[in-house]
C-alpha atoms as a PDB file:
ATOM      1  CA  UNK A   1      -0.232  -0.394   0.141  1.00  0.00           C
ATOM      2  CA  UNK A   2       1.332   3.176  -1.244  1.00  0.00           C
ATOM      3  CA  UNK A   3       1.312   6.997   1.607  1.00  0.00           C
ATOM      4  CA  UNK A   4      -1.841   7.857  -0.135  1.00  0.00           C
ATOM      5  CA  UNK A   5      -3.620   4.311   0.272  1.00  0.00           C
ATOM      6  CA  UNK A   6      -2.654   4.687   4.062  1.00  0.00           C
ATOM      7  CA  UNK A   7      -4.001   7.841   4.248  1.00  0.00           C
ATOM      8  CA  UNK A   8      -7.840   7.427   2.522  1.00  0.00           C
ATOM      9  CA  UNK A   9      -7.539   4.153   5.222  1.00  0.00           C
ATOM     10  CA  UNK A  10      -6.671   6.589   8.313  1.00  0.00           C
ATOM     11  CA  UNK A  11      -9.380   8.510   7.478  1.00  0.00           C
ATOM     12  CA  UNK A  12     -12.111   5.338   6.487  1.00  0.00           C
ATOM     13  CA  UNK A  13     -12.677   7.094   2.626  1.00  0.00           C
ATOM     14  CA  UNK A  14     -14.768   5.947   0.010  1.00  0.00           C
ATOM     15  CA  UNK A  15     -12.922   5.988  -3.946  1.00  0.00           C
ATOM     16  CA  UNK A  16     -16.015   5.839  -5.287  1.00  0.00           C
ATOM     17  CA  UNK A  17     -17.205   8.471  -3.565  1.00  0.00           C
ATOM     18  CA  UNK A  18     -13.411  10.866  -4.214  1.00  0.00           C
ATOM     19  CA  UNK A  19     -14.683   9.594  -8.322  1.00  0.00           C
ATOM     20  CA  UNK A  20     -17.001  11.323  -8.611  1.00  0.00           C
ATOM     21  CA  UNK A  21     -16.298  14.301  -7.492  1.00  0.00           C
ATOM     22  CA  UNK A  22     -12.948  14.716  -8.687  1.00  0.00           C
ATOM     23  CA  UNK A  23     -13.090  13.044 -12.433  1.00  0.00           C
ATOM     24  CA  UNK A  24     -10.400   9.915 -11.599  1.00  0.00           C
ATOM     25  CA  UNK A  25     -11.249   6.677 -12.277  1.00  0.00           C
ATOM     26  CA  UNK A  26     -11.678   4.438  -9.398  1.00  0.00           C
ATOM     27  CA  UNK A  27      -9.177   2.400 -11.554  1.00  0.00           C
ATOM     28  CA  UNK A  28      -6.579   5.806 -10.619  1.00  0.00           C
ATOM     29  CA  UNK A  29      -7.045   5.936  -7.303  1.00  0.00           C
ATOM     30  CA  UNK A  30      -6.916   2.552  -6.705  1.00  0.00           C
ATOM     31  CA  UNK A  31      -3.708   2.501  -8.446  1.00  0.00           C
ATOM     32  CA  UNK A  32      -1.961   5.625  -6.729  1.00  0.00           C
ATOM     33  CA  UNK A  33      -3.128   3.954  -3.374  1.00  0.00           C
ATOM     34  CA  UNK A  34      -1.745   0.390  -3.871  1.00  0.00           C
ATOM     35  CA  UNK A  35       0.806   0.470  -6.310  1.00  0.00           C
ATOM     36  CA  UNK A  36       3.940   1.933  -5.498  1.00  0.00           C
ATOM     37  CA  UNK A  37       5.201   2.748  -8.918  1.00  0.00           C
ATOM     38  CA  UNK A  38       2.167   5.227  -9.622  1.00  0.00           C
ATOM     39  CA  UNK A  39       3.119   8.690  -9.191  1.00  0.00           C
ATOM     40  CA  UNK A  40       0.494  10.673  -7.539  1.00  0.00           C
ATOM     41  CA  UNK A  41       0.453  14.033  -9.293  1.00  0.00           C
ATOM     42  CA  UNK A  42       0.077  17.794  -8.089  1.00  0.00           C
ATOM     43  CA  UNK A  43      -2.591  18.349  -8.949  1.00  0.00           C
ATOM     44  CA  UNK A  44      -4.049  14.848  -8.488  1.00  0.00           C
ATOM     45  CA  UNK A  45      -3.467  14.957  -4.731  1.00  0.00           C
ATOM     46  CA  UNK A  46      -4.868  19.171  -4.592  1.00  0.00           C
ATOM     47  CA  UNK A  47      -8.390  17.150  -6.407  1.00  0.00           C
ATOM     48  CA  UNK A  48      -8.183  14.486  -3.483  1.00  0.00           C
ATOM     49  CA  UNK A  49      -8.133  16.648  -0.854  1.00  0.00           C
ATOM     50  CA  UNK A  50     -10.742  19.440  -2.455  1.00  0.00           C
ATOM     51  CA  UNK A  51     -12.952  16.101  -2.415  1.00  0.00           C
ATOM     52  CA  UNK A  52     -11.447  14.931   1.228  1.00  0.00           C
ATOM     53  CA  UNK A  53     -11.992  17.934   2.964  1.00  0.00           C
ATOM     54  CA  UNK A  54      -8.385  18.120   3.858  1.00  0.00           C
ATOM     55  CA  UNK A  55      -5.566  20.749   3.641  1.00  0.00           C
ATOM     56  CA  UNK A  56      -3.743  20.141   1.137  1.00  0.00           C
ATOM     57  CA  UNK A  57      -0.243  21.088   2.464  1.00  0.00           C
ATOM     58  CA  UNK A  58      -0.588  18.693   5.644  1.00  0.00           C
ATOM     59  CA  UNK A  59      -1.683  16.189   2.942  1.00  0.00           C
ATOM     60  CA  UNK A  60       1.276  16.824   0.904  1.00  0.00           C
ATOM     61  CA  UNK A  61       3.654  16.369   4.215  1.00  0.00           C
ATOM     62  CA  UNK A  62       2.324  13.221   5.618  1.00  0.00           C
ATOM     63  CA  UNK A  63       2.228  12.121   1.871  1.00  0.00           C
ATOM     64  CA  UNK A  64       6.435  12.827   1.303  1.00  0.00           C
ATOM     65  CA  UNK A  65       7.472  12.705   5.158  1.00  0.00           C
ATOM     66  CA  UNK A  66      10.545   9.747   4.633  1.00  0.00           C
ATOM     67  CA  UNK A  67      11.647  12.532   2.261  1.00  0.00           C
ATOM     68  CA  UNK A  68      15.011  14.206   2.899  1.00  0.00           C
ATOM     69  CA  UNK A  69      17.393  16.309   1.054  1.00  0.00           C
ATOM     70  CA  UNK A  70      21.185  14.179   0.234  1.00  0.00           C
ATOM     71  CA  UNK A  71      23.621  15.759   2.933  1.00  0.00           C
END
């Protein structure tokens, strides 16, 4: 499961409802939730955040919390 998948599961989000609100297919949402090789685009993140009533910035920070600059 991806970070987005964990985020949506933690909040008990219905992907079919998100799909209707955002225009993203349920297949795309499933791929973003399950397949680590799927890359979430910033426009998709923003639409998903709006659809679930989340702050896009906080959602972005949660999804990218493991990223660090090289030393």
